[in-house]
Full PDB file with SEQRES, HELIX, SHEET, SSBOND, CRYST1, ORIGX, SCALE, CONECT and MASTER records, all heavy atoms in Angstrom:
SEQRES   1 A   42  THR GLY LEU LEU ARG PRO ASP GLU GLY ASP ILE ARG LEU          
SEQRES   2 A   42  ASP GLY THR SER LEU VAL GLY LEU ARG PRO HIS ALA ILE          
SEQRES   3 A   42  VAL SER ARG GLY ILE ALA ARG THR PHE GLN SER ILE ARG          
SEQRES   4 A   42  LEU PHE GLN                                                  
HELIX    1 AA1 PRO A   23  ARG A   29  1                                   7    
SHEET    1 AA1 2 ARG A  12  LEU A  13  0                                        
SHEET    2 AA1 2 THR A  16  SER A  17 -1                                        
CRYST1    1.000    1.000    1.000  90.00  90.00  90.00 P 1           1          
ORIGX1      1.000000  0.000000  0.000000        0.00000                         
ORIGX2      0.000000  1.000000  0.000000        0.00000                         
ORIGX3      0.000000  0.000000  1.000000        0.00000                         
SCALE1      1.000000  0.000000  0.000000        0.00000                         
SCALE2      0.000000  1.000000  0.000000        0.00000                         
SCALE3      0.000000  0.000000  1.000000        0.00000                         
ATOM      1  N   THR A   1    -189.345 -17.951  82.238  1.00  0.00           N  
ATOM      2  CA  THR A   1    -188.365 -16.933  82.644  1.00  0.00           C  
ATOM      3  C   THR A   1    -186.962 -17.487  82.851  1.00  0.00           C  
ATOM      4  O   THR A   1    -186.075 -16.758  83.305  1.00  0.00           O  
ATOM      5  CB  THR A   1    -188.835 -16.236  83.934  1.00  0.00           C  
ATOM      6  OG1 THR A   1    -189.084 -17.213  84.950  1.00  0.00           O  
ATOM      7  CG2 THR A   1    -190.108 -15.446  83.680  1.00  0.00           C  
ATOM      8  N   GLY A   2    -186.745 -18.744  82.504  1.00  0.00           N  
ATOM      9  CA  GLY A   2    -185.397 -19.295  82.523  1.00  0.00           C  
ATOM     10  C   GLY A   2    -184.904 -19.783  83.863  1.00  0.00           C  
ATOM     11  O   GLY A   2    -183.727 -20.142  83.992  1.00  0.00           O  
ATOM     12  N   LEU A   3    -185.757 -19.820  84.887  1.00  0.00           N  
ATOM     13  CA  LEU A   3    -185.346 -20.363  86.180  1.00  0.00           C  
ATOM     14  C   LEU A   3    -185.284 -21.884  86.143  1.00  0.00           C  
ATOM     15  O   LEU A   3    -184.562 -22.502  86.927  1.00  0.00           O  
ATOM     16  CB  LEU A   3    -186.314 -19.909  87.280  1.00  0.00           C  
ATOM     17  CG  LEU A   3    -186.377 -18.397  87.522  1.00  0.00           C  
ATOM     18  CD1 LEU A   3    -187.409 -18.069  88.591  1.00  0.00           C  
ATOM     19  CD2 LEU A   3    -185.004 -17.858  87.917  1.00  0.00           C  
ATOM     20  N   LEU A   4    -186.045 -22.472  85.229  1.00  0.00           N  
ATOM     21  CA  LEU A   4    -185.994 -23.904  84.981  1.00  0.00           C  
ATOM     22  C   LEU A   4    -185.820 -24.123  83.479  1.00  0.00           C  
ATOM     23  O   LEU A   4    -186.162 -23.255  82.677  1.00  0.00           O  
ATOM     24  CB  LEU A   4    -187.282 -24.603  85.447  1.00  0.00           C  
ATOM     25  CG  LEU A   4    -187.603 -24.576  86.943  1.00  0.00           C  
ATOM     26  CD1 LEU A   4    -188.996 -25.143  87.188  1.00  0.00           C  
ATOM     27  CD2 LEU A   4    -186.562 -25.354  87.740  1.00  0.00           C  
ATOM     28  N   ARG A   5    -185.322 -25.305  83.119  1.00  0.00           N  
ATOM     29  CA  ARG A   5    -185.181 -25.656  81.697  1.00  0.00           C  
ATOM     30  C   ARG A   5    -186.038 -26.875  81.406  1.00  0.00           C  
ATOM     31  O   ARG A   5    -186.007 -27.856  82.152  1.00  0.00           O  
ATOM     32  CB  ARG A   5    -183.720 -25.942  81.359  1.00  0.00           C  
ATOM     33  CG  ARG A   5    -183.488 -26.224  79.883  1.00  0.00           C  
ATOM     34  CD  ARG A   5    -182.034 -26.133  79.510  1.00  0.00           C  
ATOM     35  NE  ARG A   5    -181.844 -26.344  78.078  1.00  0.00           N  
ATOM     36  CZ  ARG A   5    -180.725 -26.056  77.424  1.00  0.00           C  
ATOM     37  NH1 ARG A   5    -179.698 -25.530  78.097  1.00  0.00           N  
ATOM     38  NH2 ARG A   5    -180.617 -26.272  76.132  1.00  0.00           N  
ATOM     39  N   PRO A   6    -186.825 -26.841  80.343  1.00  0.00           N  
ATOM     40  CA  PRO A   6    -187.719 -27.970  80.072  1.00  0.00           C  
ATOM     41  C   PRO A   6    -186.961 -29.225  79.659  1.00  0.00           C  
ATOM     42  O   PRO A   6    -185.874 -29.146  79.080  1.00  0.00           O  
ATOM     43  CB  PRO A   6    -188.593 -27.452  78.924  1.00  0.00           C  
ATOM     44  CG  PRO A   6    -187.741 -26.426  78.241  1.00  0.00           C  
ATOM     45  CD  PRO A   6    -186.948 -25.770  79.337  1.00  0.00           C  
ATOM     46  N   ASP A   7    -187.573 -30.376  79.954  1.00  0.00           N  
ATOM     47  CA  ASP A   7    -187.023 -31.638  79.450  1.00  0.00           C  
ATOM     48  C   ASP A   7    -187.296 -31.772  77.959  1.00  0.00           C  
ATOM     49  O   ASP A   7    -186.481 -32.305  77.206  1.00  0.00           O  
ATOM     50  CB  ASP A   7    -187.668 -32.831  80.182  1.00  0.00           C  
ATOM     51  CG  ASP A   7    -187.365 -32.833  81.662  1.00  0.00           C  
ATOM     52  OD1 ASP A   7    -186.279 -32.355  82.053  1.00  0.00           O  
ATOM     53  OD2 ASP A   7    -188.214 -33.315  82.438  1.00  0.00           O  
ATOM     54  N   GLU A   8    -188.466 -31.298  77.561  1.00  0.00           N  
ATOM     55  CA  GLU A   8    -188.877 -31.355  76.152  1.00  0.00           C  
ATOM     56  C   GLU A   8    -189.686 -30.102  75.832  1.00  0.00           C  
ATOM     57  O   GLU A   8    -190.210 -29.445  76.723  1.00  0.00           O  
ATOM     58  CB  GLU A   8    -189.743 -32.597  75.886  1.00  0.00           C  
ATOM     59  CG  GLU A   8    -189.068 -33.914  76.199  1.00  0.00           C  
ATOM     60  CD  GLU A   8    -190.039 -35.077  76.093  1.00  0.00           C  
ATOM     61  OE1 GLU A   8    -191.157 -34.886  75.559  1.00  0.00           O  
ATOM     62  OE2 GLU A   8    -189.697 -36.163  76.559  1.00  0.00           O  
ATOM     63  N   GLY A   9    -189.792 -29.820  74.538  1.00  0.00           N  
ATOM     64  CA  GLY A   9    -190.638 -28.726  74.099  1.00  0.00           C  
ATOM     65  C   GLY A   9    -189.874 -27.425  73.891  1.00  0.00           C  
ATOM     66  O   GLY A   9    -188.664 -27.352  74.110  1.00  0.00           O  
ATOM     67  N   ASP A  10    -190.612 -26.416  73.477  1.00  0.00           N  
ATOM     68  CA  ASP A  10    -189.991 -25.134  73.138  1.00  0.00           C  
ATOM     69  C   ASP A  10    -190.816 -23.986  73.714  1.00  0.00           C  
ATOM     70  O   ASP A  10    -192.024 -24.104  73.929  1.00  0.00           O  
ATOM     71  CB  ASP A  10    -189.895 -24.989  71.619  1.00  0.00           C  
ATOM     72  CG  ASP A  10    -188.869 -23.946  71.185  1.00  0.00           C  
ATOM     73  OD1 ASP A  10    -188.122 -23.441  72.055  1.00  0.00           O  
ATOM     74  OD2 ASP A  10    -188.815 -23.643  69.979  1.00  0.00           O  
ATOM     75  N   ILE A  11    -190.121 -22.874  73.962  1.00  0.00           N  
ATOM     76  CA  ILE A  11    -190.726 -21.627  74.425  1.00  0.00           C  
ATOM     77  C   ILE A  11    -190.256 -20.544  73.474  1.00  0.00           C  
ATOM     78  O   ILE A  11    -189.053 -20.306  73.343  1.00  0.00           O  
ATOM     79  CB  ILE A  11    -190.272 -21.275  75.858  1.00  0.00           C  
ATOM     80  CG1 ILE A  11    -190.589 -22.419  76.814  1.00  0.00           C  
ATOM     81  CG2 ILE A  11    -190.915 -19.969  76.328  1.00  0.00           C  
ATOM     82  CD1 ILE A  11    -189.835 -22.323  78.129  1.00  0.00           C  
ATOM     83  N   ARG A  12    -191.196 -19.878  72.794  1.00  0.00           N  
ATOM     84  CA  ARG A  12    -190.812 -18.888  71.783  1.00  0.00           C  
ATOM     85  C   ARG A  12    -191.458 -17.538  72.076  1.00  0.00           C  
ATOM     86  O   ARG A  12    -192.645 -17.470  72.394  1.00  0.00           O  
ATOM     87  CB  ARG A  12    -191.214 -19.361  70.384  1.00  0.00           C  
ATOM     88  CG  ARG A  12    -190.493 -20.620  69.934  1.00  0.00           C  
ATOM     89  CD  ARG A  12    -190.805 -20.963  68.480  1.00  0.00           C  
ATOM     90  NE  ARG A  12    -192.228 -21.192  68.263  1.00  0.00           N  
ATOM     91  CZ  ARG A  12    -192.859 -22.321  68.511  1.00  0.00           C  
ATOM     92  NH1 ARG A  12    -192.175 -23.357  69.001  1.00  0.00           N  
ATOM     93  NH2 ARG A  12    -194.146 -22.442  68.278  1.00  0.00           N  
ATOM     94  N   LEU A  13    -190.664 -16.503  71.973  1.00  0.00           N  
ATOM     95  CA  LEU A  13    -191.139 -15.131  72.066  1.00  0.00           C  
ATOM     96  C   LEU A  13    -190.984 -14.510  70.690  1.00  0.00           C  
ATOM     97  O   LEU A  13    -189.869 -14.444  70.165  1.00  0.00           O  
ATOM     98  CB  LEU A  13    -190.337 -14.337  73.100  1.00  0.00           C  
ATOM     99  CG  LEU A  13    -190.767 -12.881  73.289  1.00  0.00           C  
ATOM    100  CD1 LEU A  13    -192.129 -12.822  73.978  1.00  0.00           C  
ATOM    101  CD2 LEU A  13    -189.729 -12.110  74.104  1.00  0.00           C  
ATOM    102  N   ASP A  14    -192.102 -14.111  70.088  1.00  0.00           N  
ATOM    103  CA  ASP A  14    -192.084 -13.581  68.720  1.00  0.00           C  
ATOM    104  C   ASP A  14    -191.366 -14.530  67.769  1.00  0.00           C  
ATOM    105  O   ASP A  14    -190.626 -14.105  66.879  1.00  0.00           O  
ATOM    106  CB  ASP A  14    -191.429 -12.199  68.683  1.00  0.00           C  
ATOM    107  CG  ASP A  14    -192.263 -11.151  69.391  1.00  0.00           C  
ATOM    108  OD1 ASP A  14    -193.503 -11.235  69.333  1.00  0.00           O  
ATOM    109  OD2 ASP A  14    -191.673 -10.245  70.016  1.00  0.00           O  
ATOM    110  N   GLY A  15    -191.569 -15.830  67.985  1.00  0.00           N  
ATOM    111  CA  GLY A  15    -191.019 -16.832  67.088  1.00  0.00           C  
ATOM    112  C   GLY A  15    -189.601 -17.267  67.378  1.00  0.00           C  
ATOM    113  O   GLY A  15    -189.095 -18.196  66.735  1.00  0.00           O  
ATOM    114  N   THR A  16    -188.937 -16.644  68.335  1.00  0.00           N  
ATOM    115  CA  THR A  16    -187.553 -16.977  68.666  1.00  0.00           C  
ATOM    116  C   THR A  16    -187.499 -17.769  69.965  1.00  0.00           C  
ATOM    117  O   THR A  16    -188.072 -17.361  70.969  1.00  0.00           O  
ATOM    118  CB  THR A  16    -186.705 -15.701  68.811  1.00  0.00           C  
ATOM    119  OG1 THR A  16    -186.746 -14.969  67.583  1.00  0.00           O  
ATOM    120  CG2 THR A  16    -185.249 -16.040  69.139  1.00  0.00           C  
ATOM    121  N   SER A  17    -186.785 -18.891  69.949  1.00  0.00           N  
ATOM    122  CA  SER A  17    -186.729 -19.756  71.120  1.00  0.00           C  
ATOM    123  C   SER A  17    -185.983 -19.093  72.273  1.00  0.00           C  
ATOM    124  O   SER A  17    -184.954 -18.432  72.079  1.00  0.00           O  
ATOM    125  CB  SER A  17    -186.037 -21.075  70.774  1.00  0.00           C  
ATOM    126  OG  SER A  17    -185.966 -21.911  71.916  1.00  0.00           O  
ATOM    127  N   LEU A  18    -186.531 -19.289  73.481  1.00  0.00           N  
ATOM    128  CA  LEU A  18    -185.898 -18.785  74.698  1.00  0.00           C  
ATOM    129  C   LEU A  18    -185.208 -19.881  75.492  1.00  0.00           C  
ATOM    130  O   LEU A  18    -184.540 -19.588  76.492  1.00  0.00           O  
ATOM    131  CB  LEU A  18    -186.957 -18.124  75.595  1.00  0.00           C  
ATOM    132  CG  LEU A  18    -187.767 -16.971  75.010  1.00  0.00           C  
ATOM    133  CD1 LEU A  18    -188.792 -16.485  76.028  1.00  0.00           C  
ATOM    134  CD2 LEU A  18    -186.863 -15.815  74.585  1.00  0.00           C  
ATOM    135  N   VAL A  19    -185.371 -21.128  75.083  1.00  0.00           N  
ATOM    136  CA  VAL A  19    -184.837 -22.251  75.856  1.00  0.00           C  
ATOM    137  C   VAL A  19    -183.315 -22.161  75.919  1.00  0.00           C  
ATOM    138  O   VAL A  19    -182.640 -21.996  74.900  1.00  0.00           O  
ATOM    139  CB  VAL A  19    -185.268 -23.595  75.239  1.00  0.00           C  
ATOM    140  CG1 VAL A  19    -184.594 -24.765  75.963  1.00  0.00           C  
ATOM    141  CG2 VAL A  19    -186.781 -23.752  75.316  1.00  0.00           C  
ATOM    142  N   GLY A  20    -182.784 -22.252  77.138  1.00  0.00           N  
ATOM    143  CA  GLY A  20    -181.344 -22.188  77.354  1.00  0.00           C  
ATOM    144  C   GLY A  20    -180.826 -20.806  77.679  1.00  0.00           C  
ATOM    145  O   GLY A  20    -179.667 -20.662  78.091  1.00  0.00           O  
ATOM    146  N   LEU A  21    -181.668 -19.771  77.510  1.00  0.00           N  
ATOM    147  CA  LEU A  21    -181.234 -18.420  77.860  1.00  0.00           C  
ATOM    148  C   LEU A  21    -181.310 -18.209  79.366  1.00  0.00           C  
ATOM    149  O   LEU A  21    -182.169 -18.765  80.041  1.00  0.00           O  
ATOM    150  CB  LEU A  21    -182.108 -17.378  77.174  1.00  0.00           C  
ATOM    151  CG  LEU A  21    -182.058 -17.323  75.643  1.00  0.00           C  
ATOM    152  CD1 LEU A  21    -182.971 -16.216  75.134  1.00  0.00           C  
ATOM    153  CD2 LEU A  21    -180.636 -17.101  75.145  1.00  0.00           C  
ATOM    154  N   ARG A  22    -180.417 -17.383  79.890  1.00  0.00           N  
ATOM    155  CA  ARG A  22    -180.442 -17.048  81.307  1.00  0.00           C  
ATOM    156  C   ARG A  22    -181.552 -16.029  81.586  1.00  0.00           C  
ATOM    157  O   ARG A  22    -181.979 -15.315  80.685  1.00  0.00           O  
ATOM    158  CB  ARG A  22    -179.079 -16.514  81.746  1.00  0.00           C  
ATOM    159  CG  ARG A  22    -177.968 -17.563  81.625  1.00  0.00           C  
ATOM    160  CD  ARG A  22    -176.611 -16.972  81.973  1.00  0.00           C  
ATOM    161  NE  ARG A  22    -176.539 -16.599  83.364  1.00  0.00           N  
ATOM    162  CZ  ARG A  22    -176.219 -17.439  84.355  1.00  0.00           C  
ATOM    163  NH1 ARG A  22    -175.968 -18.706  84.101  1.00  0.00           N  
ATOM    164  NH2 ARG A  22    -176.150 -17.011  85.601  1.00  0.00           N  
ATOM    165  N   PRO A  23    -182.018 -15.963  82.843  1.00  0.00           N  
ATOM    166  CA  PRO A  23    -183.147 -15.069  83.149  1.00  0.00           C  
ATOM    167  C   PRO A  23    -182.954 -13.628  82.701  1.00  0.00           C  
ATOM    168  O   PRO A  23    -183.883 -13.013  82.170  1.00  0.00           O  
ATOM    169  CB  PRO A  23    -183.260 -15.194  84.673  1.00  0.00           C  
ATOM    170  CG  PRO A  23    -182.807 -16.588  84.970  1.00  0.00           C  
ATOM    171  CD  PRO A  23    -181.674 -16.828  83.997  1.00  0.00           C  
ATOM    172  N   HIS A  24    -181.742 -13.063  82.899  1.00  0.00           N  
ATOM    173  CA  HIS A  24    -181.548 -11.653  82.523  1.00  0.00           C  
ATOM    174  C   HIS A  24    -181.661 -11.464  81.014  1.00  0.00           C  
ATOM    175  O   HIS A  24    -182.107 -10.417  80.538  1.00  0.00           O  
ATOM    176  CB  HIS A  24    -180.201 -11.140  83.040  1.00  0.00           C  
ATOM    177  CG  HIS A  24    -179.009 -11.693  82.316  1.00  0.00           C  
ATOM    178  ND1 HIS A  24    -178.410 -12.885  82.668  1.00  0.00           N  
ATOM    179  CD2 HIS A  24    -178.313 -11.219  81.253  1.00  0.00           C  
ATOM    180  CE1 HIS A  24    -177.391 -13.134  81.858  1.00  0.00           C  
ATOM    181  NE2 HIS A  24    -177.316 -12.134  80.993  1.00  0.00           N  
ATOM    182  N   ALA A  25    -181.262 -12.483  80.240  1.00  0.00           N  
ATOM    183  CA  ALA A  25    -181.370 -12.387  78.787  1.00  0.00           C  
ATOM    184  C   ALA A  25    -182.825 -12.435  78.348  1.00  0.00           C  
ATOM    185  O   ALA A  25    -183.217 -11.778  77.379  1.00  0.00           O  
ATOM    186  CB  ALA A  25    -180.577 -13.516  78.123  1.00  0.00           C  
ATOM    187  N   ILE A  26    -183.637 -13.211  79.065  1.00  0.00           N  
ATOM    188  CA  ILE A  26    -185.065 -13.301  78.746  1.00  0.00           C  
ATOM    189  C   ILE A  26    -185.759 -11.975  79.075  1.00  0.00           C  
ATOM    190  O   ILE A  26    -186.610 -11.500  78.318  1.00  0.00           O  
ATOM    191  CB  ILE A  26    -185.693 -14.489  79.493  1.00  0.00           C  
ATOM    192  CG1 ILE A  26    -185.128 -15.793  78.911  1.00  0.00           C  
ATOM    193  CG2 ILE A  26    -187.213 -14.461  79.398  1.00  0.00           C  
ATOM    194  CD1 ILE A  26    -185.518 -17.042  79.672  1.00  0.00           C  
ATOM    195  N   VAL A  27    -185.373 -11.363  80.194  1.00  0.00           N  
ATOM    196  CA  VAL A  27    -185.914 -10.039  80.532  1.00  0.00           C  
ATOM    197  C   VAL A  27    -185.579  -9.035  79.438  1.00  0.00           C  
ATOM    198  O   VAL A  27    -186.431  -8.256  79.000  1.00  0.00           O  
ATOM    199  CB  VAL A  27    -185.367  -9.555  81.887  1.00  0.00           C  
ATOM    200  CG1 VAL A  27    -185.737  -8.096  82.127  1.00  0.00           C  
ATOM    201  CG2 VAL A  27    -185.912 -10.412  83.024  1.00  0.00           C  
ATOM    202  N   SER A  28    -184.350  -9.051  78.972  1.00  0.00           N  
ATOM    203  CA  SER A  28    -183.930  -8.084  77.961  1.00  0.00           C  
ATOM    204  C   SER A  28    -184.659  -8.281  76.639  1.00  0.00           C  
ATOM    205  O   SER A  28    -184.780  -7.346  75.838  1.00  0.00           O  
ATOM    206  CB  SER A  28    -182.414  -8.166  77.734  1.00  0.00           C  
ATOM    207  OG  SER A  28    -182.061  -9.381  77.092  1.00  0.00           O  
ATOM    208  N   ARG A  29    -185.186  -9.482  76.412  1.00  0.00           N  
ATOM    209  CA  ARG A  29    -185.946  -9.758  75.188  1.00  0.00           C  
ATOM    210  C   ARG A  29    -187.407  -9.343  75.301  1.00  0.00           C  
ATOM    211  O   ARG A  29    -188.125  -9.366  74.319  1.00  0.00           O  
ATOM    212  CB  ARG A  29    -185.815 -11.229  74.805  1.00  0.00           C  
ATOM    213  CG  ARG A  29    -184.497 -11.532  74.083  1.00  0.00           C  
ATOM    214  CD  ARG A  29    -184.171 -13.009  74.105  1.00  0.00           C  
ATOM    215  NE  ARG A  29    -183.004 -13.299  73.277  1.00  0.00           N  
ATOM    216  CZ  ARG A  29    -181.744 -13.049  73.634  1.00  0.00           C  
ATOM    217  NH1 ARG A  29    -181.504 -12.446  74.794  1.00  0.00           N  
ATOM    218  NH2 ARG A  29    -180.735 -13.357  72.842  1.00  0.00           N  
ATOM    219  N   GLY A  30    -187.857  -9.022  76.532  1.00  0.00           N  
ATOM    220  CA  GLY A  30    -189.194  -8.453  76.630  1.00  0.00           C  
ATOM    221  C   GLY A  30    -190.192  -9.191  77.483  1.00  0.00           C  
ATOM    222  O   GLY A  30    -191.399  -9.024  77.298  1.00  0.00           O  
ATOM    223  N   ILE A  31    -189.722 -10.000  78.445  1.00  0.00           N  
ATOM    224  CA  ILE A  31    -190.634 -10.679  79.374  1.00  0.00           C  
ATOM    225  C   ILE A  31    -190.299 -10.242  80.796  1.00  0.00           C  
ATOM    226  O   ILE A  31    -189.147 -10.315  81.223  1.00  0.00           O  
ATOM    227  CB  ILE A  31    -190.530 -12.207  79.264  1.00  0.00           C  
ATOM    228  CG1 ILE A  31    -191.003 -12.680  77.882  1.00  0.00           C  
ATOM    229  CG2 ILE A  31    -191.371 -12.886  80.346  1.00  0.00           C  
ATOM    230  CD1 ILE A  31    -190.933 -14.186  77.678  1.00  0.00           C  
ATOM    231  N   ALA A  32    -191.306  -9.801  81.527  1.00  0.00           N  
ATOM    232  CA  ALA A  32    -191.134  -9.431  82.932  1.00  0.00           C  
ATOM    233  C   ALA A  32    -192.144 -10.198  83.758  1.00  0.00           C  
ATOM    234  O   ALA A  32    -193.180 -10.627  83.249  1.00  0.00           O  
ATOM    235  CB  ALA A  32    -191.330  -7.925  83.121  1.00  0.00           C  
ATOM    236  N   ARG A  33    -191.850 -10.365  85.056  1.00  0.00           N  
ATOM    237  CA  ARG A  33    -192.778 -11.117  85.903  1.00  0.00           C  
ATOM    238  C   ARG A  33    -192.827 -10.516  87.303  1.00  0.00           C  
ATOM    239  O   ARG A  33    -191.918  -9.790  87.729  1.00  0.00           O  
ATOM    240  CB  ARG A  33    -192.367 -12.589  86.004  1.00  0.00           C  
ATOM    241  CG  ARG A  33    -191.206 -12.851  86.952  1.00  0.00           C  
ATOM    242  CD  ARG A  33    -190.918 -14.334  87.119  1.00  0.00           C  
ATOM    243  NE  ARG A  33    -191.926 -15.015  87.921  1.00  0.00           N  
ATOM    244  CZ  ARG A  33    -191.853 -16.310  88.264  1.00  0.00           C  
ATOM    245  NH1 ARG A  33    -190.823 -17.045  87.869  1.00  0.00           N  
ATOM    246  NH2 ARG A  33    -192.782 -16.854  88.999  1.00  0.00           N  
ATOM    247  N   THR A  34    -193.920 -10.821  87.980  1.00  0.00           N  
ATOM    248  CA  THR A  34    -194.013 -10.596  89.413  1.00  0.00           C  
ATOM    249  C   THR A  34    -194.149 -11.965  90.074  1.00  0.00           C  
ATOM    250  O   THR A  34    -194.366 -12.975  89.406  1.00  0.00           O  
ATOM    251  CB  THR A  34    -195.220  -9.718  89.777  1.00  0.00           C  
ATOM    252  OG1 THR A  34    -196.430 -10.417  89.453  1.00  0.00           O  
ATOM    253  CG2 THR A  34    -195.174  -8.396  89.030  1.00  0.00           C  
ATOM    254  N   PHE A  35    -194.038 -11.983  91.407  1.00  0.00           N  
ATOM    255  CA  PHE A  35    -194.022 -13.248  92.134  1.00  0.00           C  
ATOM    256  C   PHE A  35    -195.193 -13.328  93.108  1.00  0.00           C  
ATOM    257  O   PHE A  35    -195.716 -12.309  93.566  1.00  0.00           O  
ATOM    258  CB  PHE A  35    -192.706 -13.404  92.903  1.00  0.00           C  
ATOM    259  CG  PHE A  35    -191.502 -13.574  92.019  1.00  0.00           C  
ATOM    260  CD1 PHE A  35    -190.852 -12.472  91.490  1.00  0.00           C  
ATOM    261  CD2 PHE A  35    -191.035 -14.833  91.707  1.00  0.00           C  
ATOM    262  CE1 PHE A  35    -189.753 -12.612  90.664  1.00  0.00           C  
ATOM    263  CE2 PHE A  35    -189.930 -15.003  90.882  1.00  0.00           C  
ATOM    264  CZ  PHE A  35    -189.283 -13.890  90.362  1.00  0.00           C  
ATOM    265  N   GLN A  36    -195.569 -14.569  93.420  1.00  0.00           N  
ATOM    266  CA  GLN A  36    -196.642 -14.781  94.393  1.00  0.00           C  
ATOM    267  C   GLN A  36    -196.278 -14.164  95.734  1.00  0.00           C  
ATOM    268  O   GLN A  36    -197.102 -13.524  96.384  1.00  0.00           O  
ATOM    269  CB  GLN A  36    -196.921 -16.279  94.541  1.00  0.00           C  
ATOM    270  CG  GLN A  36    -198.052 -16.601  95.500  1.00  0.00           C  
ATOM    271  CD  GLN A  36    -198.314 -18.094  95.568  1.00  0.00           C  
ATOM    272  OE1 GLN A  36    -197.751 -18.881  94.800  1.00  0.00           O  
ATOM    273  NE2 GLN A  36    -199.158 -18.496  96.495  1.00  0.00           N  
ATOM    274  N   SER A  37    -195.033 -14.371  96.165  1.00  0.00           N  
ATOM    275  CA  SER A  37    -194.515 -13.722  97.366  1.00  0.00           C  
ATOM    276  C   SER A  37    -193.770 -12.465  96.935  1.00  0.00           C  
ATOM    277  O   SER A  37    -192.843 -12.545  96.125  1.00  0.00           O  
ATOM    278  CB  SER A  37    -193.564 -14.658  98.128  1.00  0.00           C  
ATOM    279  OG  SER A  37    -194.236 -15.839  98.518  1.00  0.00           O  
ATOM    280  N   ILE A  38    -194.184 -11.327  97.443  1.00  0.00           N  
ATOM    281  CA  ILE A  38    -193.611 -10.045  97.016  1.00  0.00           C  
ATOM    282  C   ILE A  38    -192.101 -10.041  97.217  1.00  0.00           C  
ATOM    283  O   ILE A  38    -191.597 -10.412  98.283  1.00  0.00           O  
ATOM    284  CB  ILE A  38    -194.253  -8.888  97.804  1.00  0.00           C  
ATOM    285  CG1 ILE A  38    -195.736  -8.777  97.448  1.00  0.00           C  
ATOM    286  CG2 ILE A  38    -193.557  -7.566  97.495  1.00  0.00           C  
ATOM    287  CD1 ILE A  38    -196.497  -7.781  98.285  1.00  0.00           C  
ATOM    288  N   ARG A  39    -191.373  -9.614  96.188  1.00  0.00           N  
ATOM    289  CA  ARG A  39    -189.901  -9.609  96.246  1.00  0.00           C  
ATOM    290  C   ARG A  39    -189.379  -8.220  95.894  1.00  0.00           C  
ATOM    291  O   ARG A  39    -188.726  -8.017  94.871  1.00  0.00           O  
ATOM    292  CB  ARG A  39    -189.325 -10.657  95.296  1.00  0.00           C  
ATOM    293  CG  ARG A  39    -189.765 -12.072  95.641  1.00  0.00           C  
ATOM    294  CD  ARG A  39    -189.060 -13.108  94.815  1.00  0.00           C  
ATOM    295  NE  ARG A  39    -189.544 -14.452  95.089  1.00  0.00           N  
ATOM    296  CZ  ARG A  39    -189.055 -15.566  94.549  1.00  0.00           C  
ATOM    297  NH1 ARG A  39    -188.048 -15.482  93.685  1.00  0.00           N  
ATOM    298  NH2 ARG A  39    -189.564 -16.745  94.852  1.00  0.00           N  
ATOM    299  N   LEU A  40    -189.671  -7.285  96.764  1.00  0.00           N  
ATOM    300  CA  LEU A  40    -189.147  -5.934  96.610  1.00  0.00           C  
ATOM    301  C   LEU A  40    -187.849  -5.781  97.386  1.00  0.00           C  
ATOM    302  O   LEU A  40    -187.525  -6.593  98.250  1.00  0.00           O  
ATOM    303  CB  LEU A  40    -190.170  -4.913  97.126  1.00  0.00           C  
ATOM    304  CG  LEU A  40    -191.501  -4.834  96.384  1.00  0.00           C  
ATOM    305  CD1 LEU A  40    -192.459  -3.928  97.131  1.00  0.00           C  
ATOM    306  CD2 LEU A  40    -191.299  -4.350  94.950  1.00  0.00           C  
ATOM    307  N   PHE A  41    -187.116  -4.714  97.077  1.00  0.00           N  
ATOM    308  CA  PHE A  41    -185.967  -4.328  97.897  1.00  0.00           C  
ATOM    309  C   PHE A  41    -186.523  -3.460  99.013  1.00  0.00           C  
ATOM    310  O   PHE A  41    -186.704  -2.249  98.868  1.00  0.00           O  
ATOM    311  CB  PHE A  41    -184.928  -3.599  97.047  1.00  0.00           C  
ATOM    312  CG  PHE A  41    -184.338  -4.454  95.973  1.00  0.00           C  
ATOM    313  CD1 PHE A  41    -184.797  -4.378  94.665  1.00  0.00           C  
ATOM    314  CD2 PHE A  41    -183.329  -5.364  96.263  1.00  0.00           C  
ATOM    315  CE1 PHE A  41    -184.270  -5.174  93.665  1.00  0.00           C  
ATOM    316  CE2 PHE A  41    -182.782  -6.172  95.278  1.00  0.00           C  
ATOM    317  CZ  PHE A  41    -183.258  -6.076  93.974  1.00  0.00           C  
ATOM    318  N   GLN A  42    -186.798  -4.109 100.142  1.00  0.00           N  
ATOM    319  CA  GLN A  42    -187.595  -3.478 101.196  1.00  0.00           C  
ATOM    320  C   GLN A  42    -186.927  -2.248 101.797  1.00  0.00           C  
ATOM    321  O   GLN A  42    -187.612  -1.323 102.242  1.00  0.00           O  
ATOM    322  CB  GLN A  42    -187.887  -4.510 102.298  1.00  0.00           C  
ATOM    323  CG  GLN A  42    -188.735  -5.682 101.840  1.00  0.00           C  
ATOM    324  CD  GLN A  42    -190.190  -5.300 101.613  1.00  0.00           C  
ATOM    325  OE1 GLN A  42    -190.652  -4.259 102.053  1.00  0.00           O  
ATOM    326  NE2 GLN A  42    -190.927  -6.144 100.898  1.00  0.00           N  
TER     327      GLN A  42                                                      
MASTER        0    0    0    1    2    0    0    6  326    1    0    4          
END                                                                             
């Protein structure tokens, strides 16, 4: 999800690399996540 950047290797969504993209750009490409600790706008 772009919160960290790998030292090596690649991450591809539908064949397109996501490495170096910011989190909002990764979301817009079609990846969403939830968290272990709930992060709602309470």
